[in-house]
Amino acid sequence: MNDQPPSRLDLLRFLERVQQQDLERTRRWIAEEEQRQAVTYVVEPPIHLDHPLGATVHRSGCTTIRRDTRPMNAKDAAFALRKDPAFHGCEDCRPGDVLGVET
């Protein structure tokens, strides 16, 4: 039996393994959060092409969505609400409030 305490090098290598595991876990958490944020908004097309309000941006899970939607990330949703008159925010889920955009 070896009753000697671990060397300083052994301890540093152990610390490195623990930190590597922590880093991998943190990167998983970041990837999961990025994925959650990537699809937090959806766009509902207008009833017809000439509809005066155009497409509606909703927060995911909005209960007033009536038609098929397509996903939209937060950056694109904010840009659409701020710059594109063909988009407007849902008056029930108010995505502009979360994005800091006047709608």
Protein backbone atom coordinates (compact mmCIF):
# COMPACT_ATOMS: atom_id res chain seq x y z
CA MET A 1 0.00 0.00 0.00
CA ASN A 2 1.10 3.48 -0.77
CA ASP A 3 0.37 5.82 2.14
CA GLN A 4 2.00 8.87 0.61
CA PRO A 5 -0.19 11.92 0.04
CA PRO A 6 -0.81 12.92 -3.58
CA SER A 7 1.84 15.14 -5.11
CA ARG A 8 1.18 18.75 -6.01
CA LEU A 9 1.14 17.73 -9.68
CA ASP A 10 -1.49 15.04 -8.99
CA LEU A 11 -3.65 17.59 -7.18
CA LEU A 12 -3.34 20.10 -10.02
CA ARG A 13 -4.33 17.45 -12.58
CA PHE A 14 -7.34 16.53 -10.44
CA LEU A 15 -8.31 20.21 -10.29
CA GLU A 16 -7.95 20.46 -14.05
CA ARG A 17 -10.35 17.52 -14.57
CA VAL A 18 -12.92 19.05 -12.23
CA GLN A 19 -12.69 22.42 -13.97
CA GLN A 20 -12.98 20.76 -17.39
CA GLN A 21 -16.20 19.06 -16.25
CA ASP A 22 -17.51 22.39 -14.93
CA LEU A 23 -16.65 24.10 -18.22
CA GLU A 24 -18.41 21.40 -20.26
CA ARG A 25 -21.51 21.68 -18.07
CA THR A 26 -21.52 25.48 -18.38
CA ARG A 27 -21.20 25.22 -22.17
CA ARG A 28 -24.19 22.83 -22.22
CA TRP A 29 -26.21 25.33 -20.18
CA ILE A 30 -25.23 28.13 -22.57
CA ALA A 31 -26.22 26.06 -25.60
CA GLU A 32 -29.57 25.17 -24.02
CA GLU A 33 -30.27 28.81 -23.19
CA GLU A 34 -29.29 29.95 -26.68
CA GLN A 35 -31.67 27.38 -28.12
CA ARG A 36 -34.49 28.56 -25.82
CA GLN A 37 -33.91 32.18 -26.79
CA ALA A 38 -33.58 31.39 -30.48
CA VAL A 39 -37.25 30.44 -30.83
CA THR A 40 -39.10 32.61 -28.38
CA TYR A 41 -41.03 34.49 -31.04
CA VAL A 42 -43.17 33.41 -33.95
CA VAL A 43 -44.62 35.21 -36.96
CA GLU A 44 -48.22 34.65 -37.97
CA PRO A 45 -48.91 35.54 -41.60
CA PRO A 46 -51.68 38.02 -42.41
CA ILE A 47 -55.19 36.78 -43.18
CA HIS A 48 -54.66 37.83 -46.81
CA LEU A 49 -51.87 39.59 -48.66
CA ASP A 50 -53.63 42.95 -48.66
CA HIS A 51 -54.43 42.86 -44.94
CA PRO A 52 -53.62 46.37 -43.57
CA LEU A 53 -51.80 45.14 -40.46
CA GLY A 54 -49.56 42.60 -42.18
CA ALA A 55 -47.88 39.79 -40.28
CA THR A 56 -48.18 39.51 -36.51
CA VAL A 57 -45.21 38.85 -34.23
CA HIS A 58 -46.14 36.80 -31.14
CA ARG A 59 -44.26 35.50 -28.15
CA SER A 60 -44.11 31.70 -28.26
CA GLY A 61 -47.10 30.18 -26.53
CA CYS A 62 -49.43 33.11 -27.19
CA THR A 63 -53.01 31.86 -26.99
CA THR A 64 -54.33 34.16 -29.73
CA ILE A 65 -52.37 32.55 -32.60
CA ARG A 66 -54.88 31.31 -35.17
CA ARG A 67 -52.79 30.19 -38.14
CA ASP A 68 -49.53 28.39 -38.82
CA THR A 69 -46.49 30.31 -37.69
CA ARG A 70 -42.79 30.28 -38.35
CA PRO A 71 -40.14 30.74 -35.65
CA MET A 72 -38.20 33.97 -35.28
CA ASN A 73 -35.31 34.77 -32.97
CA ALA A 74 -35.39 37.79 -30.70
CA LYS A 75 -32.98 39.85 -32.83
CA ASP A 76 -35.05 39.39 -36.00
CA ALA A 77 -38.33 39.99 -34.14
CA ALA A 78 -37.04 43.26 -32.72
CA PHE A 79 -35.77 44.36 -36.13
CA ALA A 80 -39.09 43.50 -37.81
CA LEU A 81 -41.13 45.38 -35.22
CA ARG A 82 -38.84 48.38 -35.27
CA LYS A 83 -38.12 48.75 -38.98
CA ASP A 84 -40.62 46.82 -41.13
CA PRO A 85 -44.16 48.20 -41.51
CA ALA A 86 -45.30 44.77 -42.73
CA PHE A 87 -45.01 43.49 -39.13
CA HIS A 88 -46.82 44.43 -35.97
CA GLY A 89 -46.81 43.06 -32.46
CA CYS A 90 -49.66 41.03 -30.98
CA GLU A 91 -51.75 43.17 -28.66
CA ASP A 92 -52.26 40.28 -26.22
CA CYS A 93 -48.75 38.87 -25.68
CA ARG A 94 -47.02 42.21 -26.49
CA PRO A 95 -43.63 41.01 -27.79
CA GLY A 96 -42.48 44.60 -28.23
CA ASP A 97 -42.60 45.15 -24.47
CA VAL A 98 -40.19 42.26 -23.86
CA LEU A 99 -37.95 43.35 -26.73
CA GLY A 100 -38.00 47.01 -25.74
CA VAL A 101 -39.66 48.05 -29.00
CA GLU A 102 -42.59 50.43 -29.32
CA THR A 103 -45.35 48.74 -31.32
